[in-house]
Amino acid sequence: MFPQMKFRVSGLDAKAKYILLLDIVAADDYRYKFHN
């Protein structure tokens, strides 16, 4: 239903915790769009 997404993140602390968020909102009754 949605296009494939890939992320590559570098330079972060290996012992720290991180959260990655992706928000997908309805553009109309039939379509969705990525919103950042």
C-alpha atoms as a PDB file:
ATOM      1  CA  MET A   1       0.000   0.000   0.000  1.00  0.00           C
ATOM      2  CA  PHE A   2       2.832   2.416   0.825  1.00  0.00           C
ATOM      3  CA  PRO A   3       6.204   2.767  -0.896  1.00  0.00           C
ATOM      4  CA  GLN A   4       9.166   1.027   0.679  1.00  0.00           C
ATOM      5  CA  MET A   5      11.213   3.228   2.994  1.00  0.00           C
ATOM      6  CA  LYS A   6      14.834   2.711   4.023  1.00  0.00           C
ATOM      7  CA  PHE A   7      16.803   4.656   6.606  1.00  0.00           C
ATOM      8  CA  ARG A   8      20.513   4.684   7.279  1.00  0.00           C
ATOM      9  CA  VAL A   9      21.607   6.428  10.450  1.00  0.00           C
ATOM     10  CA  SER A  10      25.224   6.790  11.542  1.00  0.00           C
ATOM     11  CA  GLY A  11      27.211   8.623  14.168  1.00  0.00           C
ATOM     12  CA  LEU A  12      24.852   7.864  17.065  1.00  0.00           C
ATOM     13  CA  ASP A  13      25.802   6.603  20.510  1.00  0.00           C
ATOM     14  CA  ALA A  14      25.437   2.802  20.530  1.00  0.00           C
ATOM     15  CA  LYS A  15      24.400   2.800  24.212  1.00  0.00           C
ATOM     16  CA  ALA A  16      21.721   5.487  23.841  1.00  0.00           C
ATOM     17  CA  LYS A  17      18.076   4.871  22.951  1.00  0.00           C
ATOM     18  CA  TYR A  18      16.477   6.589  19.966  1.00  0.00           C
ATOM     19  CA  ILE A  19      12.993   6.755  18.463  1.00  0.00           C
ATOM     20  CA  LEU A  20      12.248   7.189  14.747  1.00  0.00           C
ATOM     21  CA  LEU A  21       8.737   8.433  13.934  1.00  0.00           C
ATOM     22  CA  LEU A  22       6.887   8.492  10.617  1.00  0.00           C
ATOM     23  CA  ASP A  23       3.522  10.205  10.326  1.00  0.00           C
ATOM     24  CA  ILE A  24       1.169   9.215   7.476  1.00  0.00           C
ATOM     25  CA  VAL A  25      -1.947  11.365   7.190  1.00  0.00           C
ATOM     26  CA  ALA A  26      -5.041  11.016   5.009  1.00  0.00           C
ATOM     27  CA  ALA A  27      -4.918  13.346   1.988  1.00  0.00           C
ATOM     28  CA  ASP A  28      -8.571  12.607   1.188  1.00  0.00           C
ATOM     29  CA  ASP A  29     -10.954   9.652   1.575  1.00  0.00           C
ATOM     30  CA  TYR A  30      -8.873   7.398  -0.702  1.00  0.00           C
ATOM     31  CA  ARG A  31      -5.222   8.548  -0.553  1.00  0.00           C
ATOM     32  CA  TYR A  32      -2.552   8.962   2.092  1.00  0.00           C
ATOM     33  CA  LYS A  33       0.552  11.148   2.042  1.00  0.00           C
ATOM     34  CA  PHE A  34       3.739  11.262   4.081  1.00  0.00           C
ATOM     35  CA  HIS A  35       3.875  14.167   6.500  1.00  0.00           C
ATOM     36  CA  ASN A  36       7.080  15.235   8.263  1.00  0.00           C
END
